[in-house]
Amino acid sequence: MARNRGGALALVGWLALILGVGGLGCSAQLNYLDGPDSPAGAGKAASQSNKLSSGSDLIRTSYQPSSTPRPMNGNGPPAAIALPPTMGGEGPPDPPPPPPLPTEKAKTTLPSYVIEPPDVLFIDAIRIIPKPPYHIEPLDVLLIQVAETLPNQPIGGPFPVSPDGTVNLGYSYGAVRVAGLTLEQAAQNVQQHLRRTLNNPQVAVALAQFRGVQQTRGDHLVQMDGTITLGSYGCIPVTGLTLSQAKCMIEKHLSRWLLNPEISLSVASFNSKVYYVIIDGGGYGQQVFRLPITGNETVLDAISMINGLPPISSTRKIWVARPTPAKANCYEILPVNWQVITQAGDTSTNYQLFPGDRVYVRANCLLHFNNRLTQFLMPVNNMLGSTLLGVGTYNLFRLAGSRNFNGGGNNGNNGF
C-alpha cells in the first residue's frame, strides 16, 4: 500500500514539474510583441520609445529614398551637411524623428521598378520598319495589287510568304518565288510570272508585315543571365534597369536592323519582388507562402491571400519583420494588432508591405505547449504501451499453459 502511494506521489510530482516548465515556456514570449492595447504592451511601448531615442537595436523607418545630398558626379561619399549654429555651444541639435510608417490610409509610392529574373516583360511594337533595301523572308506578309486580271479572279490584298519562300496568287495563277528579293525585284518577278496568263499585267508589291514583329511583340522572360531573347535580333541585358532604361536599351539594340524603332515596355508578371507570409505550426514546422508584390499590399491583404489565419494561429502574436542589412546587429519589428484591424477597422498597424517583408504569425500558446508536451511524452507512451502489451501477452500465454497443464478443463470451476 505504501509502495503504491509513493509511486502515485512521484507521478504527481513529475506532472507538476512538466506543467510548470511548460507554463514557463509558454509565458516566455517576445515581450516587445505584446499588443498596444494591453497594459503590459503599453509599458513596453514606452520603454521601446525610450530605446529608440537612445539608439536601441529596434529601428523603425519608412520606405523612402534618402534625401542626403551627394556630389554632382554621383561618385564619392555624400557631401557634408551644414548644421545650423546652436545657442550656448551645446553641440548639434538632435536629429528629427523618423517619418510615420506607411499604413492602409497613409500609403507611399515605391521607387521605380528594377527588372530582375524571373520577371516577365511585355513588348508591344509601335514602330517596326526594316532598313531599306529589305529582302523578303519566309513568314513575311506582302500586299500585292494587280490590274487587268481574269474575270472573277482578282489579285489584291495580303499574301503570306510560305516557309518555302513562295506566294500563292490563286488557282489560275500559281505560286511565284519571292524569298531573298527586294520589293522591286519581287514585283518584277510576279509580273513576269503573270505574263503567262495575262496580257501586260500591272503589279504593285508592298510589305504589309514582316516576321521581325512576331519576334519582338509579346511576353519575354528575363532569364537567369539577366537577358531577354528577341529571336534573330539576339539577347539584350535588362537586369538592374528600370522600365524606361530598358526601353531605351531595347530600341538602341533594334536600331541596328530597324529604322527608328519604337516600342512600349511593361511588366507582365512581377516575379522578382515578393513578400512572405510565415505561419508557425506550433511545434510541427512552419508554412512559408511566397507572394508577388505590386506596391499596394497591406498586412490584411497578405493574410487574405492565404485564405485567413489557420485555426492554430494566435491573433495576439503577429508582426512584420522588415529585412535589414547584413551584420547590422539590429532588427526592424512592426507589431500588428490583428483584433483592432479586423474588429474595429483601425489602420494604425495595418502596415503597407514592401519587397522582402516577412509577415510572421505565431501559433497559439496553449496549442504550442500541447504539441510540445505530446512530442515529449510520445516516446514514454510508446514504451509503456509496448511494455503493457508484452506483459498482457505473457500473462495470456501463461494462463493458457496452466489450463492445458490441468487437463484442458476448468475442473468444474467457472472461468479459468
Protein backbone atom coordinates (compact mmCIF):
# COMPACT_ATOMS: atom_id res chain seq x y z
CA MET A 1 0.00 0.00 0.00
CA ALA A 2 2.80 2.39 0.94
CA ARG A 3 4.63 1.47 -2.26
CA ASN A 4 1.62 2.34 -4.43
CA ARG A 5 1.14 5.62 -2.58
CA GLY A 6 4.80 6.52 -3.12
CA GLY A 7 4.52 5.78 -6.85
CA ALA A 8 1.39 7.95 -7.13
CA LEU A 9 3.12 10.81 -5.36
CA ALA A 10 6.13 10.52 -7.69
CA LEU A 11 3.83 10.58 -10.75
CA VAL A 12 2.02 13.68 -9.45
CA GLY A 13 5.37 15.35 -8.83
CA TRP A 14 6.58 14.65 -12.36
CA LEU A 15 3.36 16.02 -13.86
CA ALA A 16 3.61 19.17 -11.75
CA LEU A 17 7.20 19.68 -12.92
CA ILE A 18 6.25 19.24 -16.59
CA LEU A 19 3.31 21.65 -16.29
CA GLY A 20 5.49 24.22 -14.55
CA VAL A 21 8.19 24.07 -17.22
CA GLY A 22 5.57 24.24 -19.98
CA GLY A 23 3.88 27.23 -18.41
CA LEU A 24 7.20 28.98 -18.11
CA GLY A 25 7.98 28.30 -21.76
CA CYS A 26 4.50 29.42 -22.79
CA SER A 27 4.89 32.73 -20.99
CA ALA A 28 8.42 33.31 -22.27
CA GLN A 29 7.32 35.14 -25.44
CA LEU A 30 8.84 38.14 -27.17
CA ASN A 31 7.86 40.88 -24.75
CA TYR A 32 8.09 43.67 -27.26
CA LEU A 33 5.47 41.93 -29.41
CA ASP A 34 2.66 42.48 -26.88
CA GLY A 35 -0.30 44.35 -28.30
CA PRO A 36 -0.53 48.08 -27.68
CA ASP A 37 -3.97 47.66 -26.15
CA SER A 38 -2.75 45.64 -23.15
CA PRO A 39 -1.26 47.27 -20.02
CA ALA A 40 1.94 45.30 -20.42
CA GLY A 41 2.11 46.34 -24.04
CA ALA A 42 1.67 50.00 -23.12
CA GLY A 43 4.56 49.83 -20.65
CA LYS A 44 6.75 48.04 -23.14
CA ALA A 45 5.85 50.53 -25.85
CA ALA A 46 7.02 53.35 -23.57
CA SER A 47 10.29 51.55 -22.91
CA GLN A 48 10.71 50.96 -26.64
CA SER A 49 10.24 54.63 -27.40
CA ASN A 50 12.97 55.43 -24.86
CA LYS A 51 15.22 52.88 -26.51
CA LEU A 52 14.55 54.35 -29.93
CA SER A 53 15.64 57.76 -28.75
CA SER A 54 18.82 56.32 -27.20
CA GLY A 55 19.88 54.27 -30.24
CA SER A 56 18.35 50.88 -29.44
CA ASP A 57 18.56 47.77 -31.58
CA LEU A 58 14.91 48.22 -32.60
CA ILE A 59 14.70 50.55 -35.59
CA ARG A 60 11.55 51.84 -37.24
CA THR A 61 11.97 53.55 -40.59
CA SER A 62 9.78 54.28 -43.57
CA TYR A 63 10.35 53.12 -47.14
CA GLN A 64 11.51 56.40 -48.62
CA PRO A 65 14.63 57.25 -50.62
CA SER A 66 17.37 59.01 -48.77
CA SER A 67 17.45 62.79 -49.08
CA THR A 68 21.17 63.05 -48.25
CA PRO A 69 22.83 65.31 -50.86
CA ARG A 70 25.54 63.76 -52.99
CA PRO A 71 28.17 65.26 -55.31
CA MET A 72 27.05 66.28 -58.78
CA ASN A 73 29.00 63.49 -60.48
CA GLY A 74 27.30 60.84 -58.32
CA ASN A 75 30.60 59.40 -57.06
CA GLY A 76 32.33 59.62 -53.73
CA PRO A 77 30.92 60.00 -50.24
CA PRO A 78 27.90 62.19 -49.52
CA ALA A 79 28.53 65.89 -49.38
CA ALA A 80 28.80 67.48 -45.97
CA ILE A 81 25.65 68.94 -44.49
CA ALA A 82 25.94 72.34 -42.92
CA LEU A 83 24.38 72.31 -39.45
CA PRO A 84 22.81 75.47 -38.09
CA PRO A 85 24.62 77.09 -35.16
CA THR A 86 23.26 76.37 -31.70
CA MET A 87 22.86 78.63 -28.73
CA GLY A 88 25.45 78.32 -25.99
CA GLY A 89 27.71 75.99 -27.96
CA GLU A 90 25.90 72.83 -26.80
CA GLY A 91 26.68 70.91 -29.99
CA PRO A 92 24.49 69.89 -32.96
CA PRO A 93 20.74 69.57 -32.41
CA ASP A 94 19.01 66.22 -32.13
CA PRO A 95 18.07 64.60 -35.45
CA PRO A 96 14.41 64.91 -36.45
CA PRO A 97 12.17 61.95 -35.63
CA PRO A 98 11.62 59.41 -38.42
CA PRO A 99 8.51 59.90 -40.55
CA PRO A 100 5.47 57.73 -39.75
CA LEU A 101 5.33 54.25 -41.23
CA PRO A 102 3.09 53.82 -44.30
CA THR A 103 -0.23 52.20 -43.40
CA GLU A 104 -3.52 51.44 -45.13
CA LYS A 105 -4.72 55.07 -45.07
CA ALA A 106 -1.28 56.67 -45.47
CA LYS A 107 0.49 54.71 -48.20
CA THR A 108 3.61 55.74 -50.04
CA THR A 109 4.83 55.08 -53.56
CA LEU A 110 7.60 52.61 -54.18
CA PRO A 111 10.75 53.52 -56.11
CA SER A 112 10.99 52.83 -59.83
CA TYR A 113 10.67 49.13 -60.54
CA VAL A 114 14.01 47.44 -61.18
CA ILE A 115 13.93 44.45 -63.53
CA GLU A 116 15.35 41.17 -62.21
CA PRO A 117 14.99 37.48 -63.08
CA PRO A 118 12.48 35.86 -63.40
CA ASP A 119 10.27 38.84 -64.32
CA VAL A 120 8.18 38.67 -67.49
CA LEU A 121 8.24 41.75 -69.72
CA PHE A 122 5.65 42.59 -72.37
CA ILE A 123 6.90 44.38 -75.50
CA ASP A 124 4.47 45.97 -77.93
CA ALA A 125 5.88 47.01 -81.31
CA ILE A 126 4.73 50.54 -82.13
CA ARG A 127 7.13 51.32 -84.99
CA ILE A 128 8.94 48.34 -86.52
CA ILE A 129 10.18 49.18 -90.01
CA PRO A 130 13.18 47.41 -91.55
CA LYS A 131 16.00 49.42 -93.02
CA PRO A 132 15.98 49.58 -96.83
CA PRO A 133 16.67 47.72 -99.01
CA TYR A 134 14.68 44.96 -97.34
CA HIS A 135 14.94 41.39 -98.61
CA ILE A 136 11.79 39.32 -98.32
CA GLU A 137 11.93 36.39 -95.91
CA PRO A 138 9.57 33.48 -95.24
CA LEU A 139 6.61 34.27 -92.97
CA ASP A 140 6.51 37.89 -94.22
CA VAL A 141 3.19 39.26 -95.48
CA LEU A 142 3.17 41.09 -98.85
CA LEU A 143 0.47 43.44 -100.12
CA ILE A 144 0.06 42.66 -103.84
CA GLN A 145 -2.23 44.55 -106.25
CA VAL A 146 -2.62 43.51 -109.92
CA ALA A 147 -4.71 45.31 -112.54
CA GLU A 148 -6.47 43.69 -115.51
CA THR A 149 -6.83 40.21 -114.05
CA LEU A 150 -9.07 37.35 -115.19
CA PRO A 151 -12.83 37.78 -114.64
CA ASN A 152 -13.93 36.88 -111.11
CA GLN A 153 -10.34 36.10 -110.14
CA PRO A 154 -8.84 39.35 -108.81
CA ILE A 155 -5.40 39.62 -107.25
CA GLY A 156 -5.39 42.12 -104.41
CA GLY A 157 -4.72 42.05 -100.69
CA PRO A 158 -2.22 40.49 -98.27
CA PHE A 159 -0.39 37.35 -99.32
CA PRO A 160 1.75 35.50 -96.76
CA VAL A 161 5.13 34.18 -97.81
CA SER A 162 5.16 30.44 -97.20
CA PRO A 163 8.10 28.72 -95.46
CA ASP A 164 9.44 27.62 -98.87
CA GLY A 165 9.71 31.30 -99.94
CA THR A 166 6.77 31.49 -102.38
CA VAL A 167 3.43 33.31 -102.52
CA ASN A 168 0.32 31.64 -103.93
CA LEU A 169 -1.60 34.06 -106.20
CA GLY A 170 -4.56 31.78 -106.77
CA TYR A 171 -5.66 28.61 -108.55
CA SER A 172 -5.37 30.07 -112.06
CA TYR A 173 -2.09 31.93 -111.46
CA GLY A 174 0.01 29.54 -109.38
CA ALA A 175 2.84 30.34 -106.97
CA VAL A 176 5.86 32.55 -107.52
CA ARG A 177 9.14 32.60 -105.55
CA VAL A 178 9.97 35.90 -103.83
CA ALA A 179 12.23 34.96 -100.89
CA GLY A 180 15.56 36.81 -100.86
CA LEU A 181 14.33 39.52 -103.29
CA THR A 182 13.74 43.20 -102.69
CA LEU A 183 10.23 44.59 -103.14
CA GLU A 184 11.07 45.93 -106.61
CA GLN A 185 12.58 42.62 -107.67
CA ALA A 186 9.57 40.75 -106.28
CA ALA A 187 7.20 42.99 -108.31
CA GLN A 188 9.15 42.27 -111.49
CA ASN A 189 9.19 38.55 -110.72
CA VAL A 190 5.41 38.47 -110.14
CA GLN A 191 4.80 40.48 -113.29
CA GLN A 192 6.93 38.13 -115.37
CA HIS A 193 5.12 35.14 -113.87
CA LEU A 194 1.66 36.57 -114.65
CA ARG A 195 2.51 37.26 -118.30
CA ARG A 196 1.93 33.59 -118.92
CA THR A 197 -1.75 34.15 -118.17
CA LEU A 198 -2.41 37.91 -118.53
CA ASN A 199 -1.59 40.48 -121.17
CA ASN A 200 0.75 43.18 -119.85
CA PRO A 201 -0.24 42.95 -116.16
CA GLN A 202 0.43 45.92 -113.87
CA VAL A 203 1.82 44.76 -110.49
CA ALA A 204 2.45 46.64 -107.22
CA VAL A 205 4.12 44.93 -104.23
CA ALA A 206 4.48 46.37 -100.73
CA LEU A 207 5.46 44.96 -97.35
CA ALA A 208 2.41 44.61 -95.09
CA GLN A 209 4.09 42.80 -92.19
CA PHE A 210 7.48 41.26 -91.70
CA ARG A 211 8.48 38.49 -89.35
CA GLY A 212 10.53 40.77 -87.11
CA VAL A 213 7.29 41.95 -85.50
CA GLN A 214 6.49 38.42 -84.38
CA GLN A 215 9.90 38.10 -82.73
CA THR A 216 9.60 41.44 -80.94
CA ARG A 217 5.98 41.66 -79.78
CA GLY A 218 4.79 39.54 -76.85
CA ASP A 219 5.93 38.28 -73.45
CA HIS A 220 9.63 37.87 -72.78
CA LEU A 221 11.05 36.09 -69.73
CA VAL A 222 14.10 37.60 -68.05
CA GLN A 223 16.47 34.66 -67.99
CA MET A 224 18.97 33.67 -65.30
CA ASP A 225 21.77 35.59 -67.05
CA GLY A 226 19.65 38.77 -66.91
CA THR A 227 18.80 38.97 -70.62
CA ILE A 228 15.72 38.68 -72.81
CA THR A 229 15.75 36.99 -76.20
CA LEU A 230 14.33 38.67 -79.33
CA GLY A 231 14.77 35.83 -81.77
CA SER A 232 17.12 36.61 -84.62
CA TYR A 233 17.86 40.02 -83.08
CA GLY A 234 19.81 38.40 -80.25
CA CYS A 235 19.80 38.87 -76.46
CA ILE A 236 19.60 42.15 -74.55
CA PRO A 237 20.71 42.56 -70.88
CA VAL A 238 17.99 44.26 -68.84
CA THR A 239 18.69 43.19 -65.24
CA GLY A 240 19.19 46.12 -62.88
CA LEU A 241 17.45 48.59 -65.22
CA THR A 242 14.20 50.45 -64.75
CA LEU A 243 11.48 50.19 -67.39
CA SER A 244 12.44 53.45 -69.07
CA GLN A 245 16.11 52.46 -69.15
CA ALA A 246 15.28 49.02 -70.54
CA LYS A 247 13.04 50.58 -73.22
CA CYS A 248 15.88 52.79 -74.43
CA MET A 249 18.30 49.84 -74.36
CA ILE A 250 15.97 47.65 -76.47
CA GLU A 251 15.28 50.41 -79.02
CA LYS A 252 19.01 51.11 -79.34
CA HIS A 253 19.69 47.41 -79.92
CA LEU A 254 16.94 47.11 -82.56
CA SER A 255 18.16 50.20 -84.43
CA ARG A 256 20.92 48.07 -85.93
CA TRP A 257 18.28 46.38 -88.15
CA LEU A 258 15.24 48.68 -87.96
CA LEU A 259 14.58 52.26 -88.96
CA ASN A 260 13.94 54.39 -85.84
CA PRO A 261 12.27 51.59 -83.84
CA GLU A 262 9.76 52.45 -81.13
CA ILE A 263 8.31 50.05 -78.58
CA SER A 264 6.28 50.14 -75.36
CA LEU A 265 7.53 48.13 -72.39
CA SER A 266 5.64 46.95 -69.30
CA VAL A 267 5.88 44.22 -66.66
CA ALA A 268 3.54 41.32 -67.34
CA SER A 269 4.46 39.32 -64.21
CA PHE A 270 6.08 40.73 -61.07
CA ASN A 271 8.08 37.63 -60.17
CA SER A 272 11.23 39.09 -58.60
CA LYS A 273 9.63 41.40 -56.00
CA VAL A 274 7.85 39.33 -53.37
CA TYR A 275 6.89 39.27 -49.69
CA TYR A 276 6.44 36.29 -47.40
CA VAL A 277 3.75 35.08 -45.01
CA ILE A 278 5.14 32.63 -42.43
CA ILE A 279 2.70 30.56 -40.36
CA ASP A 280 4.03 28.92 -37.18
CA GLY A 281 2.94 25.29 -36.93
CA GLY A 282 3.02 25.15 -33.13
CA GLY A 283 5.97 22.78 -32.90
CA TYR A 284 5.26 21.00 -36.19
CA GLY A 285 7.29 23.12 -38.60
CA GLN A 286 6.32 26.31 -40.41
CA GLN A 287 4.49 27.16 -43.63
CA VAL A 288 6.02 29.79 -45.89
CA PHE A 289 3.95 31.50 -48.62
CA ARG A 290 5.80 33.47 -51.31
CA LEU A 291 3.52 36.13 -52.79
CA PRO A 292 4.25 38.69 -55.54
CA ILE A 293 4.05 42.35 -54.59
CA THR A 294 2.64 45.14 -56.74
CA GLY A 295 3.12 48.05 -54.31
CA ASN A 296 -0.33 48.31 -52.70
CA GLU A 297 -0.49 45.33 -50.31
CA THR A 298 -1.07 45.60 -46.57
CA VAL A 299 -0.98 43.08 -43.72
CA LEU A 300 -4.70 42.41 -44.15
CA ASP A 301 -4.19 41.77 -47.86
CA ALA A 302 -1.35 39.35 -47.09
CA ILE A 303 -3.47 37.27 -44.69
CA SER A 304 -6.36 37.24 -47.16
CA MET A 305 -4.06 35.81 -49.86
CA ILE A 306 -3.65 32.62 -47.77
CA ASN A 307 -7.41 32.41 -47.03
CA GLY A 308 -7.17 33.79 -43.49
CA LEU A 309 -5.46 32.67 -40.32
CA PRO A 310 -5.20 28.92 -39.67
CA PRO A 311 -7.03 27.53 -36.60
CA ILE A 312 -3.78 27.09 -34.65
CA SER A 313 -2.67 30.72 -35.11
CA SER A 314 -2.66 33.34 -32.38
CA THR A 315 -4.33 36.69 -33.05
CA ARG A 316 -2.10 38.43 -30.49
CA LYS A 317 1.30 37.43 -31.82
CA ILE A 318 1.54 38.78 -35.38
CA TRP A 319 4.25 41.11 -36.61
CA VAL A 320 6.05 42.32 -39.73
CA ALA A 321 9.80 41.66 -39.90
CA ARG A 322 11.45 44.07 -42.32
CA PRO A 323 14.79 42.95 -43.83
CA THR A 324 17.90 44.73 -42.57
CA PRO A 325 21.44 44.83 -43.98
CA ALA A 326 23.81 42.02 -43.16
CA LYS A 327 25.72 42.38 -39.87
CA ALA A 328 23.58 45.38 -38.91
CA ASN A 329 23.07 43.94 -35.40
CA CYS A 330 19.52 45.22 -35.29
CA TYR A 331 16.01 44.08 -36.17
CA GLU A 332 13.08 46.03 -37.53
CA ILE A 333 9.95 44.55 -36.00
CA LEU A 334 6.49 46.07 -36.52
CA PRO A 335 3.87 44.59 -34.13
CA VAL A 336 0.41 44.05 -35.63
CA ASN A 337 -2.79 44.36 -33.58
CA TRP A 338 -4.92 41.94 -35.54
CA GLN A 339 -8.04 42.29 -33.40
CA VAL A 340 -8.43 46.05 -33.82
CA ILE A 341 -7.66 45.78 -37.55
CA THR A 342 -10.42 43.25 -38.19
CA GLN A 343 -12.95 44.10 -35.47
CA ALA A 344 -12.59 47.88 -35.17
CA GLY A 345 -11.23 48.87 -38.59
CA ASP A 346 -8.15 50.53 -37.07
CA THR A 347 -5.39 51.08 -39.63
CA SER A 348 -2.54 52.19 -37.38
CA THR A 349 -0.89 48.74 -37.50
CA ASN A 350 -2.18 47.62 -40.90
CA TYR A 351 1.19 48.42 -42.43
CA GLN A 352 1.91 48.74 -46.11
CA LEU A 353 4.18 45.91 -47.22
CA PHE A 354 7.38 46.33 -49.19
CA PRO A 355 9.53 43.85 -51.13
CA GLY A 356 11.18 41.37 -48.81
CA ASP A 357 8.86 41.86 -45.82
CA ARG A 358 8.01 38.85 -43.64
CA VAL A 359 4.57 38.66 -42.05
CA TYR A 360 5.02 36.22 -39.16
CA VAL A 361 2.06 34.59 -37.41
CA ARG A 362 2.89 32.73 -34.19
CA ALA A 363 0.91 29.69 -33.13
CA ASN A 364 -1.46 29.74 -30.15
CA CYS A 365 0.48 29.42 -26.91
CA LEU A 366 -1.62 26.61 -25.40
CA LEU A 367 -1.68 24.62 -28.64
CA HIS A 368 2.07 25.05 -28.98
CA PHE A 369 2.58 23.77 -25.41
CA ASN A 370 0.23 20.85 -26.02
CA ASN A 371 2.12 19.84 -29.15
CA ARG A 372 5.47 20.08 -27.38
CA LEU A 373 4.16 18.05 -24.45
CA THR A 374 2.84 15.42 -26.84
CA GLN A 375 6.21 15.22 -28.56
CA PHE A 376 7.95 14.89 -25.20
CA LEU A 377 5.63 12.19 -23.84
CA MET A 378 5.26 10.22 -27.07
CA PRO A 379 8.40 8.06 -26.53
CA VAL A 380 7.32 7.34 -22.93
CA ASN A 381 3.81 6.49 -24.12
CA ASN A 382 5.14 4.15 -26.79
CA MET A 383 7.48 2.46 -24.30
CA LEU A 384 4.71 1.97 -21.73
CA GLY A 385 2.32 0.70 -24.39
CA SER A 386 4.87 -1.80 -25.63
CA THR A 387 5.54 -2.91 -22.05
CA LEU A 388 1.86 -3.38 -21.24
CA LEU A 389 1.34 -5.28 -24.49
CA GLY A 390 4.25 -7.57 -23.69
CA VAL A 391 3.03 -8.19 -20.12
CA GLY A 392 -0.51 -8.90 -21.33
CA THR A 393 0.74 -11.32 -23.96
CA TYR A 394 2.93 -13.10 -21.41
CA ASN A 395 0.06 -13.48 -18.94
CA LEU A 396 -2.22 -14.78 -21.68
CA PHE A 397 0.25 -17.49 -22.70
CA ARG A 398 0.93 -18.36 -19.05
CA LEU A 399 -2.75 -18.82 -18.27
CA ALA A 400 -3.25 -20.84 -21.46
CA GLY A 401 -0.34 -23.11 -20.49
CA SER A 402 -1.66 -23.54 -16.96
CA ARG A 403 -5.05 -24.54 -18.34
CA ASN A 404 -3.54 -27.13 -20.64
CA PHE A 405 -1.42 -28.48 -17.77
CA ASN A 406 -4.53 -29.01 -15.63
CA GLY A 407 -6.04 -31.36 -18.19
CA GLY A 408 -7.58 -28.92 -20.67
CA GLY A 409 -10.57 -28.17 -18.42
CA ASN A 410 -11.57 -25.92 -15.61
CA ASN A 411 -12.21 -28.73 -13.04
CA GLY A 412 -15.81 -27.72 -12.60
CA ASN A 413 -15.00 -24.05 -11.90
CA ASN A 414 -16.33 -21.11 -13.84
CA GLY A 415 -13.69 -19.11 -15.64
CA PHE A 416 -10.04 -20.12 -15.60
